[in-house]
Amino acid sequence: MTSVVVRHQGQMAFSGENSSGQSVVMDSAAEVGGQGQGIRPMEMVLLGLGGCTGIDVVSILQKMRVPFDRFEIAVDGERADEHPKIYRHIRVRYQFWGEGLDSDKVWRAVSLSQDKYCSVSAMLKQAATMEASVEINGQRVEKN
């Protein structure tokens, strides 16, 4: 079982701590009573997705012996207009830099993460459509 503790810090701010003692600050926007001093909870969802799929992709590429110099994931989500304002569409852009990167292997790693291994992705797909794209050295590469 996974457990975390969330503690009210005043106004709309909360701290979250995992069982290992790492923490994060969450807050809301000023227009709803916060001070914007932390990550908003729905942003945390997108960060969780990026972290989950990123860990998968790095692990898979290491097993494939595919080195890279740099790797970033940009995640954007479009939310419903009405409450509870869940994510309806999420875009995940995987950006890699390095010499001689094999786009087929990179796409394979991304696909395995999105379709098989990333539990956050699997949960979010229950509510939102998701799309992925891959860029290598600034150039978008299509999936074969």
C-alpha atoms as a PDB file:
ATOM      1  CA  MET A   1       0.000   0.000   0.000  1.00  0.00           C
ATOM      2  CA  THR A   2       1.173   3.516  -0.796  1.00  0.00           C
ATOM      3  CA  SER A   3       0.659   6.171   1.869  1.00  0.00           C
ATOM      4  CA  VAL A   4       1.256   9.898   1.983  1.00  0.00           C
ATOM      5  CA  VAL A   5       0.347  12.613   4.502  1.00  0.00           C
ATOM      6  CA  VAL A   6      -1.022  16.004   3.493  1.00  0.00           C
ATOM      7  CA  ARG A   7      -0.868  18.798   6.102  1.00  0.00           C
ATOM      8  CA  HIS A   8      -2.635  22.143   6.002  1.00  0.00           C
ATOM      9  CA  GLN A   9      -0.099  24.987   6.134  1.00  0.00           C
ATOM     10  CA  GLY A  10      -2.506  27.922   6.323  1.00  0.00           C
ATOM     11  CA  GLN A  11      -4.856  29.585   3.882  1.00  0.00           C
ATOM     12  CA  MET A  12      -4.955  27.215   0.864  1.00  0.00           C
ATOM     13  CA  ALA A  13      -1.423  25.820   1.205  1.00  0.00           C
ATOM     14  CA  PHE A  14      -0.666  22.205   2.033  1.00  0.00           C
ATOM     15  CA  SER A  15       2.517  20.178   2.356  1.00  0.00           C
ATOM     16  CA  GLY A  16       2.578  16.612   1.186  1.00  0.00           C
ATOM     17  CA  GLU A  17       5.041  14.071   2.496  1.00  0.00           C
ATOM     18  CA  ASN A  18       5.720  10.517   1.399  1.00  0.00           C
ATOM     19  CA  SER A  19       6.734   7.625   3.630  1.00  0.00           C
ATOM     20  CA  SER A  20      10.421   8.333   2.907  1.00  0.00           C
ATOM     21  CA  GLY A  21      10.172  11.910   4.149  1.00  0.00           C
ATOM     22  CA  GLN A  22      10.330  13.765   0.809  1.00  0.00           C
ATOM     23  CA  SER A  23       7.903  16.658   0.651  1.00  0.00           C
ATOM     24  CA  VAL A  24       6.228  19.023  -1.752  1.00  0.00           C
ATOM     25  CA  VAL A  25       4.223  22.208  -1.261  1.00  0.00           C
ATOM     26  CA  MET A  26       0.829  22.635  -2.899  1.00  0.00           C
ATOM     27  CA  ASP A  27      -1.172  25.849  -3.081  1.00  0.00           C
ATOM     28  CA  SER A  28      -3.972  27.373  -5.090  1.00  0.00           C
ATOM     29  CA  ALA A  29      -4.119  30.492  -7.195  1.00  0.00           C
ATOM     30  CA  ALA A  30      -4.769  33.850  -5.565  1.00  0.00           C
ATOM     31  CA  GLU A  31      -8.242  34.090  -7.120  1.00  0.00           C
ATOM     32  CA  VAL A  32      -9.376  31.154  -4.975  1.00  0.00           C
ATOM     33  CA  GLY A  33      -7.629  32.167  -1.765  1.00  0.00           C
ATOM     34  CA  GLY A  34      -4.128  30.837  -2.252  1.00  0.00           C
ATOM     35  CA  GLN A  35      -0.838  32.611  -2.553  1.00  0.00           C
ATOM     36  CA  GLY A  36       0.551  30.604  -5.462  1.00  0.00           C
ATOM     37  CA  GLN A  37       3.445  29.372  -3.335  1.00  0.00           C
ATOM     38  CA  GLY A  38       3.285  25.774  -4.445  1.00  0.00           C
ATOM     39  CA  ILE A  39       2.288  23.455  -7.201  1.00  0.00           C
ATOM     40  CA  ARG A  40      -1.439  23.223  -7.826  1.00  0.00           C
ATOM     41  CA  PRO A  41      -2.884  19.748  -7.220  1.00  0.00           C
ATOM     42  CA  MET A  42      -3.983  19.247 -10.834  1.00  0.00           C
ATOM     43  CA  GLU A  43      -0.482  20.226 -11.959  1.00  0.00           C
ATOM     44  CA  MET A  44       0.780  17.503  -9.605  1.00  0.00           C
ATOM     45  CA  VAL A  45      -1.281  15.006 -11.606  1.00  0.00           C
ATOM     46  CA  LEU A  46       0.541  16.008 -14.805  1.00  0.00           C
ATOM     47  CA  LEU A  47       3.885  15.956 -12.994  1.00  0.00           C
ATOM     48  CA  GLY A  48       3.084  12.459 -11.747  1.00  0.00           C
ATOM     49  CA  LEU A  49       2.340  11.355 -15.292  1.00  0.00           C
ATOM     50  CA  GLY A  50       5.595  12.847 -16.578  1.00  0.00           C
ATOM     51  CA  GLY A  51       7.620  11.245 -13.802  1.00  0.00           C
ATOM     52  CA  CYS A  52       5.986   7.845 -14.185  1.00  0.00           C
ATOM     53  CA  THR A  53       6.407   7.617 -17.941  1.00  0.00           C
ATOM     54  CA  GLY A  54       9.876   9.179 -17.766  1.00  0.00           C
ATOM     55  CA  ILE A  55      11.115   6.526 -15.357  1.00  0.00           C
ATOM     56  CA  ASP A  56       9.715   3.823 -17.633  1.00  0.00           C
ATOM     57  CA  VAL A  57      11.265   5.275 -20.786  1.00  0.00           C
ATOM     58  CA  VAL A  58      14.715   5.684 -19.231  1.00  0.00           C
ATOM     59  CA  SER A  59      14.611   2.132 -17.878  1.00  0.00           C
ATOM     60  CA  ILE A  60      13.526   0.695 -21.235  1.00  0.00           C
ATOM     61  CA  LEU A  61      16.119   2.681 -23.208  1.00  0.00           C
ATOM     62  CA  GLN A  62      18.839   1.538 -20.804  1.00  0.00           C
ATOM     63  CA  LYS A  63      17.816  -2.083 -21.386  1.00  0.00           C
ATOM     64  CA  MET A  64      17.903  -1.420 -25.146  1.00  0.00           C
ATOM     65  CA  ARG A  65      21.346   0.173 -24.703  1.00  0.00           C
ATOM     66  CA  VAL A  66      20.154   3.425 -26.251  1.00  0.00           C
ATOM     67  CA  PRO A  67      22.156   6.325 -24.787  1.00  0.00           C
ATOM     68  CA  PHE A  68      20.961   9.923 -24.883  1.00  0.00           C
ATOM     69  CA  ASP A  69      22.419  13.227 -23.719  1.00  0.00           C
ATOM     70  CA  ARG A  70      19.242  14.874 -22.459  1.00  0.00           C
ATOM     71  CA  PHE A  71      15.583  13.941 -22.021  1.00  0.00           C
ATOM     72  CA  GLU A  72      12.606  16.129 -21.144  1.00  0.00           C
ATOM     73  CA  ILE A  73       8.882  15.543 -21.090  1.00  0.00           C
ATOM     74  CA  ALA A  74       6.396  18.366 -21.642  1.00  0.00           C
ATOM     75  CA  VAL A  75       2.856  17.533 -20.504  1.00  0.00           C
ATOM     76  CA  ASP A  76      -0.234  19.675 -21.069  1.00  0.00           C
ATOM     77  CA  GLY A  77      -3.770  18.920 -20.113  1.00  0.00           C
ATOM     78  CA  GLU A  78      -7.096  20.392 -21.168  1.00  0.00           C
ATOM     79  CA  ARG A  79      -9.672  20.354 -18.405  1.00  0.00           C
ATOM     80  CA  ALA A  80     -13.446  20.154 -18.515  1.00  0.00           C
ATOM     81  CA  ASP A  81     -15.290  23.468 -18.189  1.00  0.00           C
ATOM     82  CA  GLU A  82     -17.587  22.232 -15.421  1.00  0.00           C
ATOM     83  CA  HIS A  83     -16.761  20.831 -12.003  1.00  0.00           C
ATOM     84  CA  PRO A  84     -15.067  18.581 -11.152  1.00  0.00           C
ATOM     85  CA  LYS A  85     -12.964  19.947 -14.079  1.00  0.00           C
ATOM     86  CA  ILE A  86     -11.096  16.726 -14.769  1.00  0.00           C
ATOM     87  CA  TYR A  87      -8.578  16.414 -17.563  1.00  0.00           C
ATOM     88  CA  ARG A  88     -10.313  15.526 -20.833  1.00  0.00           C
ATOM     89  CA  HIS A  89      -7.275  15.583 -23.143  1.00  0.00           C
ATOM     90  CA  ILE A  90      -3.587  15.232 -22.307  1.00  0.00           C
ATOM     91  CA  ARG A  91      -0.608  15.731 -24.614  1.00  0.00           C
ATOM     92  CA  VAL A  92       2.780  14.251 -23.718  1.00  0.00           C
ATOM     93  CA  ARG A  93       5.773  15.460 -25.728  1.00  0.00           C
ATOM     94  CA  TYR A  94       8.932  13.401 -25.259  1.00  0.00           C
ATOM     95  CA  GLN A  95      12.040  15.413 -26.186  1.00  0.00           C
ATOM     96  CA  PHE A  96      15.420  13.722 -26.600  1.00  0.00           C
ATOM     97  CA  TRP A  97      18.849  15.049 -27.467  1.00  0.00           C
ATOM     98  CA  GLY A  98      21.871  13.022 -28.489  1.00  0.00           C
ATOM     99  CA  GLU A  99      23.830  11.658 -31.406  1.00  0.00           C
ATOM    100  CA  GLY A 100      22.576   8.673 -33.384  1.00  0.00           C
ATOM    101  CA  LEU A 101      19.332   8.156 -31.491  1.00  0.00           C
ATOM    102  CA  ASP A 102      17.251   5.400 -33.102  1.00  0.00           C
ATOM    103  CA  SER A 103      13.744   6.830 -33.483  1.00  0.00           C
ATOM    104  CA  ASP A 104      12.155   3.362 -33.714  1.00  0.00           C
ATOM    105  CA  LYS A 105      13.665   2.333 -30.379  1.00  0.00           C
ATOM    106  CA  VAL A 106      12.704   5.631 -28.773  1.00  0.00           C
ATOM    107  CA  TRP A 107       9.117   5.238 -29.976  1.00  0.00           C
ATOM    108  CA  ARG A 108       9.098   1.628 -28.771  1.00  0.00           C
ATOM    109  CA  ALA A 109      10.127   2.756 -25.281  1.00  0.00           C
ATOM    110  CA  VAL A 110       7.468   5.490 -25.267  1.00  0.00           C
ATOM    111  CA  SER A 111       4.769   3.105 -26.476  1.00  0.00           C
ATOM    112  CA  LEU A 112       5.643   0.459 -23.897  1.00  0.00           C
ATOM    113  CA  SER A 113       5.445   3.051 -21.155  1.00  0.00           C
ATOM    114  CA  GLN A 114       2.157   4.520 -22.312  1.00  0.00           C
ATOM    115  CA  ASP A 115       0.427   1.247 -23.163  1.00  0.00           C
ATOM    116  CA  LYS A 116       1.840  -1.247 -20.664  1.00  0.00           C
ATOM    117  CA  TYR A 117       3.909   0.034 -17.749  1.00  0.00           C
ATOM    118  CA  CYS A 118       2.925   3.536 -16.602  1.00  0.00           C
ATOM    119  CA  SER A 119       0.173   3.176 -14.008  1.00  0.00           C
ATOM    120  CA  VAL A 120      -0.508   6.920 -13.965  1.00  0.00           C
ATOM    121  CA  SER A 121      -1.083   6.864 -17.720  1.00  0.00           C
ATOM    122  CA  ALA A 122      -3.414   3.867 -17.378  1.00  0.00           C
ATOM    123  CA  MET A 123      -5.464   5.677 -14.716  1.00  0.00           C
ATOM    124  CA  LEU A 124      -5.704   8.928 -16.633  1.00  0.00           C
ATOM    125  CA  LYS A 125      -6.761   7.128 -19.819  1.00  0.00           C
ATOM    126  CA  GLN A 126      -9.947   6.184 -17.962  1.00  0.00           C
ATOM    127  CA  ALA A 127     -11.022   9.838 -18.078  1.00  0.00           C
ATOM    128  CA  ALA A 128      -8.954  11.558 -20.762  1.00  0.00           C
ATOM    129  CA  THR A 129      -7.779  10.994 -24.287  1.00  0.00           C
ATOM    130  CA  MET A 130      -4.011  11.011 -24.498  1.00  0.00           C
ATOM    131  CA  GLU A 131      -1.637  11.722 -27.328  1.00  0.00           C
ATOM    132  CA  ALA A 132       2.126  11.356 -27.459  1.00  0.00           C
ATOM    133  CA  SER A 133       4.751  12.853 -29.701  1.00  0.00           C
ATOM    134  CA  VAL A 134       8.505  12.369 -29.897  1.00  0.00           C
ATOM    135  CA  GLU A 135      11.163  14.906 -30.822  1.00  0.00           C
ATOM    136  CA  ILE A 136      14.810  14.057 -31.362  1.00  0.00           C
ATOM    137  CA  ASN A 137      17.260  16.957 -31.446  1.00  0.00           C
ATOM    138  CA  GLY A 138      14.387  19.387 -31.987  1.00  0.00           C
ATOM    139  CA  GLN A 139      12.811  17.472 -34.879  1.00  0.00           C
ATOM    140  CA  ARG A 140       9.470  15.717 -34.528  1.00  0.00           C
ATOM    141  CA  VAL A 141       9.669  12.056 -35.530  1.00  0.00           C
ATOM    142  CA  GLU A 142       6.644  10.026 -36.513  1.00  0.00           C
ATOM    143  CA  LYS A 143       5.865   6.596 -35.169  1.00  0.00           C
ATOM    144  CA  ASN A 144       6.430   3.799 -37.693  1.00  0.00           C
END
